[in-house]
PDB file of N, CA and C in Angstrom:
ATOM      1  N   MET A   1     -13.377  43.966  66.120  1.00  0.00           N
ATOM      2  CA  MET A   1     -14.045  43.809  67.388  1.00  0.00           C
ATOM      3  C   MET A   1     -15.449  44.411  67.243  1.00  0.00           C
ATOM      4  N   SER A   2     -16.423  43.688  67.730  1.00  0.00           N
ATOM      5  CA  SER A   2     -17.802  44.166  67.634  1.00  0.00           C
ATOM      6  C   SER A   2     -18.041  45.306  68.616  1.00  0.00           C
ATOM      7  N   VAL A   3     -19.146  45.985  68.436  1.00  0.00           N
ATOM      8  CA  VAL A   3     -19.493  47.094  69.317  1.00  0.00           C
ATOM      9  C   VAL A   3     -19.665  46.594  70.753  1.00  0.00           C
ATOM     10  N   ALA A   4     -20.350  45.470  70.913  1.00  0.00           N
ATOM     11  CA  ALA A   4     -20.561  44.918  72.258  1.00  0.00           C
ATOM     12  C   ALA A   4     -19.234  44.550  72.917  1.00  0.00           C
ATOM     13  N   GLN A   5     -18.326  43.966  72.144  1.00  0.00           N
ATOM     14  CA  GLN A   5     -17.021  43.612  72.698  1.00  0.00           C
ATOM     15  C   GLN A   5     -16.249  44.871  73.100  1.00  0.00           C
ATOM     16  N   GLN A   6     -16.299  45.886  72.234  1.00  0.00           N
ATOM     17  CA  GLN A   6     -15.591  47.130  72.527  1.00  0.00           C
ATOM     18  C   GLN A   6     -16.157  47.796  73.784  1.00  0.00           C
ATOM     19  N   GLU A   7     -17.477  47.786  73.916  1.00  0.00           N
ATOM     20  CA  GLU A   7     -18.101  48.366  75.109  1.00  0.00           C
ATOM     21  C   GLU A   7     -17.668  47.616  76.370  1.00  0.00           C
ATOM     22  N   THR A   8     -17.611  46.294  76.278  1.00  0.00           N
ATOM     23  CA  THR A   8     -17.200  45.484  77.426  1.00  0.00           C
ATOM     24  C   THR A   8     -15.759  45.781  77.812  1.00  0.00           C
ATOM     25  N   VAL A   9     -14.883  45.873  76.839  1.00  0.00           N
ATOM     26  CA  VAL A   9     -13.471  46.180  77.105  1.00  0.00           C
ATOM     27  C   VAL A   9     -13.353  47.563  77.741  1.00  0.00           C
ATOM     28  N   THR A  10     -14.096  48.521  77.230  1.00  0.00           N
ATOM     29  CA  THR A  10     -14.049  49.875  77.783  1.00  0.00           C
ATOM     30  C   THR A  10     -14.492  49.891  79.249  1.00  0.00           C
ATOM     31  N   ILE A  11     -15.549  49.155  79.557  1.00  0.00           N
ATOM     32  CA  ILE A  11     -16.032  49.074  80.942  1.00  0.00           C
ATOM     33  C   ILE A  11     -14.955  48.492  81.847  1.00  0.00           C
ATOM     34  N   VAL A  12     -14.324  47.432  81.402  1.00  0.00           N
ATOM     35  CA  VAL A  12     -13.285  46.780  82.213  1.00  0.00           C
ATOM     36  C   VAL A  12     -12.068  47.689  82.347  1.00  0.00           C
ATOM     37  N   GLU A  13     -11.683  48.350  81.264  1.00  0.00           N
ATOM     38  CA  GLU A  13     -10.516  49.251  81.321  1.00  0.00           C
ATOM     39  C   GLU A  13     -10.773  50.442  82.246  1.00  0.00           C
ATOM     40  N   THR A  14     -12.023  50.886  82.314  1.00  0.00           N
ATOM     41  CA  THR A  14     -12.377  52.022  83.163  1.00  0.00           C
ATOM     42  C   THR A  14     -12.270  51.673  84.637  1.00  0.00           C
ATOM     43  N   ASN A  15     -12.608  50.423  84.976  1.00  0.00           N
ATOM     44  CA  ASN A  15     -12.590  50.032  86.387  1.00  0.00           C
ATOM     45  C   ASN A  15     -12.034  48.615  86.533  1.00  0.00           C
ATOM     46  N   PRO A  16     -10.750  48.414  86.287  1.00  0.00           N
ATOM     47  CA  PRO A  16     -10.157  47.072  86.329  1.00  0.00           C
ATOM     48  C   PRO A  16     -10.181  46.427  87.719  1.00  0.00           C
ATOM     49  N   HIS A  17     -10.152  47.239  88.774  1.00  0.00           N
ATOM     50  CA  HIS A  17     -10.151  46.678  90.133  1.00  0.00           C
ATOM     51  C   HIS A  17     -11.468  45.984  90.449  1.00  0.00           C
ATOM     52  N   LYS A  18     -12.545  46.505  89.885  1.00  0.00           N
ATOM     53  CA  LYS A  18     -13.860  45.879  90.102  1.00  0.00           C
ATOM     54  C   LYS A  18     -13.865  44.453  89.569  1.00  0.00           C
ATOM     55  N   PHE A  19     -13.146  44.234  88.475  1.00  0.00           N
ATOM     56  CA  PHE A  19     -13.105  42.911  87.834  1.00  0.00           C
ATOM     57  C   PHE A  19     -11.856  42.120  88.217  1.00  0.00           C
ATOM     58  N   LYS A  20     -11.062  42.694  89.107  1.00  0.00           N
ATOM     59  CA  LYS A  20      -9.838  42.063  89.608  1.00  0.00           C
ATOM     60  C   LYS A  20      -8.886  41.662  88.477  1.00  0.00           C
ATOM     61  N   LEU A  21      -8.686  42.601  87.554  1.00  0.00           N
ATOM     62  CA  LEU A  21      -7.796  42.371  86.421  1.00  0.00           C
ATOM     63  C   LEU A  21      -6.719  43.449  86.394  1.00  0.00           C
ATOM     64  N   ASP A  22      -5.491  43.041  86.083  1.00  0.00           N
ATOM     65  CA  ASP A  22      -4.435  44.027  85.921  1.00  0.00           C
ATOM     66  C   ASP A  22      -4.282  44.371  84.440  1.00  0.00           C
ATOM     67  N   ALA A  23      -3.443  45.330  84.146  1.00  0.00           N
ATOM     68  CA  ALA A  23      -3.269  45.803  82.766  1.00  0.00           C
ATOM     69  C   ALA A  23      -2.791  44.682  81.835  1.00  0.00           C
ATOM     70  N   GLY A  24      -1.926  43.819  82.347  1.00  0.00           N
ATOM     71  CA  GLY A  24      -1.425  42.707  81.527  1.00  0.00           C
ATOM     72  C   GLY A  24      -2.525  41.733  81.136  1.00  0.00           C
ATOM     73  N   GLU A  25      -3.385  41.429  82.082  1.00  0.00           N
ATOM     74  CA  GLU A  25      -4.498  40.505  81.798  1.00  0.00           C
ATOM     75  C   GLU A  25      -5.483  41.125  80.825  1.00  0.00           C
ATOM     76  N   ILE A  26      -5.753  42.401  80.982  1.00  0.00           N
ATOM     77  CA  ILE A  26      -6.659  43.091  80.046  1.00  0.00           C
ATOM     78  C   ILE A  26      -6.061  43.075  78.648  1.00  0.00           C
ATOM     79  N   TYR A  27      -4.765  43.327  78.552  1.00  0.00           N
ATOM     80  CA  TYR A  27      -4.082  43.287  77.249  1.00  0.00           C
ATOM     81  C   TYR A  27      -4.205  41.901  76.607  1.00  0.00           C
ATOM     82  N   LYS A  28      -3.965  40.848  77.396  1.00  0.00           N
ATOM     83  CA  LYS A  28      -4.059  39.477  76.865  1.00  0.00           C
ATOM     84  C   LYS A  28      -5.467  39.184  76.366  1.00  0.00           C
ATOM     85  N   ARG A  29      -6.460  39.630  77.114  1.00  0.00           N
ATOM     86  CA  ARG A  29      -7.842  39.385  76.713  1.00  0.00           C
ATOM     87  C   ARG A  29      -8.213  40.164  75.450  1.00  0.00           C
ATOM     88  N   LYS A  30      -7.691  41.374  75.340  1.00  0.00           N
ATOM     89  CA  LYS A  30      -7.939  42.156  74.108  1.00  0.00           C
ATOM     90  C   LYS A  30      -7.285  41.470  72.907  1.00  0.00           C
ATOM     91  N   GLN A  31      -6.090  40.936  73.112  1.00  0.00           N
ATOM     92  CA  GLN A  31      -5.409  40.214  72.034  1.00  0.00           C
ATOM     93  C   GLN A  31      -6.204  38.971  71.631  1.00  0.00           C
ATOM     94  N   PHE A  32      -6.725  38.260  72.632  1.00  0.00           N
ATOM     95  CA  PHE A  32      -7.542  37.080  72.344  1.00  0.00           C
ATOM     96  C   PHE A  32      -8.767  37.465  71.523  1.00  0.00           C
ATOM     97  N   ILE A  33      -9.449  38.536  71.905  1.00  0.00           N
ATOM     98  CA  ILE A  33     -10.630  38.983  71.166  1.00  0.00           C
ATOM     99  C   ILE A  33     -10.251  39.339  69.732  1.00  0.00           C
ATOM    100  N   ALA A  34      -9.138  40.020  69.560  1.00  0.00           N
ATOM    101  CA  ALA A  34      -8.690  40.409  68.219  1.00  0.00           C
ATOM    102  C   ALA A  34      -8.377  39.183  67.361  1.00  0.00           C
ATOM    103  N   LEU A  35      -7.664  38.225  67.936  1.00  0.00           N
ATOM    104  CA  LEU A  35      -7.315  37.009  67.190  1.00  0.00           C
ATOM    105  C   LEU A  35      -8.555  36.182  66.855  1.00  0.00           C
ATOM    106  N   ALA A  36      -9.455  36.040  67.829  1.00  0.00           N
ATOM    107  CA  ALA A  36     -10.678  35.271  67.592  1.00  0.00           C
ATOM    108  C   ALA A  36     -11.546  35.947  66.541  1.00  0.00           C
ATOM    109  N   SER A  37     -11.649  37.260  66.583  1.00  0.00           N
ATOM    110  CA  SER A  37     -12.429  38.002  65.588  1.00  0.00           C
ATOM    111  C   SER A  37     -11.838  37.838  64.195  1.00  0.00           C
ATOM    112  N   ALA A  38     -10.514  37.905  64.103  1.00  0.00           N
ATOM    113  CA  ALA A  38      -9.850  37.740  62.809  1.00  0.00           C
ATOM    114  C   ALA A  38     -10.073  36.337  62.252  1.00  0.00           C
ATOM    115  N   LYS A  39      -9.975  35.328  63.111  1.00  0.00           N
ATOM    116  CA  LYS A  39     -10.188  33.942  62.678  1.00  0.00           C
ATOM    117  C   LYS A  39     -11.636  33.733  62.238  1.00  0.00           C
ATOM    118  N   LEU A  40     -12.575  34.297  62.992  1.00  0.00           N
ATOM    119  CA  LEU A  40     -13.986  34.190  62.624  1.00  0.00           C
ATOM    120  C   LEU A  40     -14.241  34.833  61.267  1.00  0.00           C
ATOM    121  N   LYS A  41     -13.648  35.995  61.019  1.00  0.00           N
ATOM    122  CA  LYS A  41     -13.804  36.654  59.717  1.00  0.00           C
ATOM    123  C   LYS A  41     -13.215  35.790  58.607  1.00  0.00           C
ATOM    124  N   GLU A  42     -12.060  35.201  58.858  1.00  0.00           N
ATOM    125  CA  GLU A  42     -11.402  34.337  57.872  1.00  0.00           C
ATOM    126  C   GLU A  42     -12.300  33.144  57.510  1.00  0.00           C
ATOM    127  N   VAL A  43     -12.847  32.497  58.528  1.00  0.00           N
ATOM    128  CA  VAL A  43     -13.704  31.331  58.299  1.00  0.00           C
ATOM    129  C   VAL A  43     -14.988  31.742  57.584  1.00  0.00           C
ATOM    130  N   THR A  44     -15.581  32.854  58.015  1.00  0.00           N
ATOM    131  CA  THR A  44     -16.807  33.344  57.386  1.00  0.00           C
ATOM    132  C   THR A  44     -16.562  33.674  55.920  1.00  0.00           C
ATOM    133  N   ASP A  45     -15.456  34.350  55.631  1.00  0.00           N
ATOM    134  CA  ASP A  45     -15.113  34.673  54.245  1.00  0.00           C
ATOM    135  C   ASP A  45     -14.910  33.410  53.415  1.00  0.00           C
ATOM    136  N   ASP A  46     -14.273  32.407  54.010  1.00  0.00           N
ATOM    137  CA  ASP A  46     -14.035  31.147  53.308  1.00  0.00           C
ATOM    138  C   ASP A  46     -15.348  30.435  53.005  1.00  0.00           C
ATOM    139  N   VAL A  47     -16.243  30.394  53.974  1.00  0.00           N
ATOM    140  CA  VAL A  47     -17.534  29.723  53.781  1.00  0.00           C
ATOM    141  C   VAL A  47     -18.368  30.446  52.727  1.00  0.00           C
ATOM    142  N   ASN A  48     -18.267  31.769  52.700  1.00  0.00           N
ATOM    143  CA  ASN A  48     -19.059  32.556  51.753  1.00  0.00           C
ATOM    144  C   ASN A  48     -18.365  32.776  50.417  1.00  0.00           C
ATOM    145  N   SER A  49     -17.204  32.192  50.213  1.00  0.00           N
ATOM    146  CA  SER A  49     -16.451  32.412  48.974  1.00  0.00           C
ATOM    147  C   SER A  49     -17.133  31.742  47.785  1.00  0.00           C
ATOM    148  N   SER A  50     -16.824  32.242  46.611  1.00  0.00           N
ATOM    149  CA  SER A  50     -17.397  31.664  45.392  1.00  0.00           C
ATOM    150  C   SER A  50     -16.885  30.238  45.174  1.00  0.00           C
ATOM    151  N   THR A  51     -15.671  29.952  45.628  1.00  0.00           N
ATOM    152  CA  THR A  51     -15.125  28.599  45.501  1.00  0.00           C
ATOM    153  C   THR A  51     -15.956  27.608  46.307  1.00  0.00           C
ATOM    154  N   THR A  52     -16.269  27.976  47.542  1.00  0.00           N
ATOM    155  CA  THR A  52     -17.070  27.095  48.402  1.00  0.00           C
ATOM    156  C   THR A  52     -18.476  26.934  47.843  1.00  0.00           C
ATOM    157  N   LYS A  53     -19.080  28.037  47.403  1.00  0.00           N
ATOM    158  CA  LYS A  53     -20.441  27.959  46.845  1.00  0.00           C
ATOM    159  C   LYS A  53     -20.454  27.106  45.580  1.00  0.00           C
ATOM    160  N   GLY A  54     -19.417  27.229  44.766  1.00  0.00           N
ATOM    161  CA  GLY A  54     -19.320  26.399  43.566  1.00  0.00           C
ATOM    162  C   GLY A  54     -19.210  24.922  43.918  1.00  0.00           C
ATOM    163  N   LYS A  55     -18.421  24.617  44.930  1.00  0.00           N
ATOM    164  CA  LYS A  55     -18.273  23.223  45.380  1.00  0.00           C
ATOM    165  C   LYS A  55     -19.606  22.672  45.873  1.00  0.00           C
ATOM    166  N   LEU A  56     -20.335  23.457  46.646  1.00  0.00           N
ATOM    167  CA  LEU A  56     -21.645  23.015  47.128  1.00  0.00           C
ATOM    168  C   LEU A  56     -22.609  22.769  45.966  1.00  0.00           C
ATOM    169  N   ASP A  57     -22.585  23.666  44.981  1.00  0.00           N
ATOM    170  CA  ASP A  57     -23.457  23.484  43.812  1.00  0.00           C
ATOM    171  C   ASP A  57     -23.091  22.215  43.041  1.00  0.00           C
ATOM    172  N   ARG A  58     -21.783  21.972  42.850  1.00  0.00           N
ATOM    173  CA  ARG A  58     -21.353  20.756  42.154  1.00  0.00           C
ATOM    174  C   ARG A  58     -21.769  19.510  42.925  1.00  0.00           C
ATOM    175  N   ASP A  59     -21.597  19.552  44.238  1.00  0.00           N
ATOM    176  CA  ASP A  59     -21.981  18.407  45.062  1.00  0.00           C
ATOM    177  C   ASP A  59     -23.474  18.125  44.964  1.00  0.00           C
ATOM    178  N   LYS A  60     -24.283  19.170  44.937  1.00  0.00           N
ATOM    179  CA  LYS A  60     -25.735  18.979  44.825  1.00  0.00           C
ATOM    180  C   LYS A  60     -26.087  18.331  43.492  1.00  0.00           C
ATOM    181  N   ARG A  61     -25.401  18.755  42.432  1.00  0.00           N
ATOM    182  CA  ARG A  61     -25.673  18.170  41.106  1.00  0.00           C
ATOM    183  C   ARG A  61     -25.211  16.722  41.025  1.00  0.00           C
ATOM    184  N   ASP A  62     -24.130  16.408  41.715  1.00  0.00           N
ATOM    185  CA  ASP A  62     -23.542  15.076  41.621  1.00  0.00           C
ATOM    186  C   ASP A  62     -24.245  14.031  42.479  1.00  0.00           C
ATOM    187  N   VAL A  63     -25.085  14.464  43.387  1.00  0.00           N
ATOM    188  CA  VAL A  63     -25.786  13.512  44.243  1.00  0.00           C
ATOM    189  C   VAL A  63     -26.797  12.764  43.393  1.00  0.00           C
ATOM    190  N   LYS A  64     -26.666  11.475  43.411  1.00  0.00           N
ATOM    191  CA  LYS A  64     -27.578  10.653  42.623  1.00  0.00           C
ATOM    192  C   LYS A  64     -28.734  10.226  43.519  1.00  0.00           C
ATOM    193  N   PRO A  65     -29.946  10.304  42.980  1.00  0.00           N
ATOM    194  CA  PRO A  65     -31.079   9.884  43.811  1.00  0.00           C
ATOM    195  C   PRO A  65     -30.994   8.390  44.112  1.00  0.00           C
ATOM    196  N   LYS A  66     -31.432   8.057  45.300  1.00  0.00           N
ATOM    197  CA  LYS A  66     -31.422   6.649  45.682  1.00  0.00           C
ATOM    198  C   LYS A  66     -32.471   5.907  44.863  1.00  0.00           C
ATOM    199  N   LYS A  67     -32.097   4.708  44.468  1.00  0.00           N
ATOM    200  CA  LYS A  67     -33.053   3.878  43.759  1.00  0.00           C
ATOM    201  C   LYS A  67     -34.019   3.294  44.770  1.00  0.00           C
ATOM    202  N   LYS A  68     -35.267   3.313  44.374  1.00  0.00           N
ATOM    203  CA  LYS A  68     -36.257   2.728  45.260  1.00  0.00           C
ATOM    204  C   LYS A  68     -36.142   1.222  45.187  1.00  0.00           C
ATOM    205  N   LYS A  69     -36.284   0.618  46.333  1.00  0.00           N
ATOM    206  CA  LYS A  69     -36.294  -0.837  46.353  1.00  0.00           C
ATOM    207  C   LYS A  69     -37.616  -1.291  45.769  1.00  0.00           C
ATOM    208  N   LYS A  70     -37.517  -2.307  44.974  1.00  0.00           N
ATOM    209  CA  LYS A  70     -38.751  -2.841  44.419  1.00  0.00           C
ATOM    210  C   LYS A  70     -39.442  -3.644  45.515  1.00  0.00           C
ATOM    211  N   SER A  71     -40.650  -3.241  45.775  1.00  0.00           N
ATOM    212  CA  SER A  71     -41.375  -3.969  46.805  1.00  0.00           C
ATOM    213  C   SER A  71     -42.018  -5.199  46.184  1.00  0.00           C
ATOM    214  N   PHE A  72     -42.015  -6.233  46.927  1.00  0.00           N
ATOM    215  CA  PHE A  72     -42.588  -7.480  46.451  1.00  0.00           C
ATOM    216  C   PHE A  72     -44.070  -7.457  46.764  1.00  0.00           C
ATOM    217  N   ASN A  73     -44.837  -7.638  45.761  1.00  0.00           N
ATOM    218  CA  ASN A  73     -46.280  -7.615  45.950  1.00  0.00           C
ATOM    219  C   ASN A  73     -46.733  -8.988  46.454  1.00  0.00           C
ATOM    220  N   PHE A  74     -47.091  -9.027  47.720  1.00  0.00           N
ATOM    221  CA  PHE A  74     -47.477 -10.271  48.359  1.00  0.00           C
ATOM    222  C   PHE A  74     -48.685 -10.899  47.679  1.00  0.00           C
ATOM    223  N   PHE A  75     -49.636 -10.075  47.309  1.00  0.00           N
ATOM    224  CA  PHE A  75     -50.857 -10.601  46.701  1.00  0.00           C
ATOM    225  C   PHE A  75     -50.570 -11.221  45.336  1.00  0.00           C
ATOM    226  N   LEU A  76     -49.684 -10.594  44.586  1.00  0.00           N
ATOM    227  CA  LEU A  76     -49.302 -11.167  43.295  1.00  0.00           C
ATOM    228  C   LEU A  76     -48.598 -12.495  43.522  1.00  0.00           C
ATOM    229  N   PHE A  77     -47.753 -12.565  44.505  1.00  0.00           N
ATOM    230  CA  PHE A  77     -47.045 -13.784  44.844  1.00  0.00           C
ATOM    231  C   PHE A  77     -48.036 -14.915  45.156  1.00  0.00           C
ATOM    232  N   MET A  78     -49.058 -14.608  45.896  1.00  0.00           N
ATOM    233  CA  MET A  78     -50.047 -15.615  46.293  1.00  0.00           C
ATOM    234  C   MET A  78     -50.755 -16.207  45.072  1.00  0.00           C
ATOM    235  N   PHE A  79     -50.925 -15.423  44.041  1.00  0.00           N
ATOM    236  CA  PHE A  79     -51.582 -15.917  42.834  1.00  0.00           C
ATOM    237  C   PHE A  79     -50.629 -16.699  41.945  1.00  0.00           C
ATOM    238  N   LEU A  80     -49.343 -16.424  42.062  1.00  0.00           N
ATOM    239  CA  LEU A  80     -48.385 -17.080  41.174  1.00  0.00           C
ATOM    240  C   LEU A  80     -47.937 -18.440  41.680  1.00  0.00           C
ATOM    241  N   ILE A  81     -47.951 -18.673  42.961  1.00  0.00           N
ATOM    242  CA  ILE A  81     -47.480 -19.971  43.450  1.00  0.00           C
ATOM    243  C   ILE A  81     -48.609 -21.019  43.324  1.00  0.00           C
ATOM    244  N   PRO A  82     -48.210 -22.183  42.901  1.00  0.00           N
ATOM    245  CA  PRO A  82     -49.243 -23.215  42.766  1.00  0.00           C
ATOM    246  C   PRO A  82     -49.764 -23.634  44.150  1.00  0.00           C
ATOM    247  N   ARG A  83     -51.018 -23.870  44.207  1.00  0.00           N
ATOM    248  CA  ARG A  83     -51.635 -24.293  45.465  1.00  0.00           C
ATOM    249  C   ARG A  83     -51.603 -25.806  45.557  1.00  0.00           C
ATOM    250  N   ARG A  84     -51.431 -26.258  46.767  1.00  0.00           N
ATOM    251  CA  ARG A  84     -51.448 -27.706  46.979  1.00  0.00           C
ATOM    252  C   ARG A  84     -52.886 -28.154  47.132  1.00  0.00           C
ATOM    253  N   SER A  85     -53.146 -29.270  46.634  1.00  0.00           N
ATOM    254  CA  SER A  85     -54.517 -29.780  46.734  1.00  0.00           C
ATOM    255  C   SER A  85     -54.696 -30.612  47.971  1.00  0.00           C
TER     256      SER A  85
END
């Protein structure tokens, strides 16, 4: 739990009537914060893992540059076609 989250929970626990929350609701919300924080850490660790970074590096190497389309030179075309008399 982050410092800001902990401060918020402490404020609510100190004066639950102000926020119209009972002990059960505060407990559920603390559990939600704990679960969400754990999941966020899990995802962050996965994204920052060496396996993920290796996959990104391999993908960057494997990307083949797009071939440029050959543009047709209109002026060259005009010189190559026979003119009608």
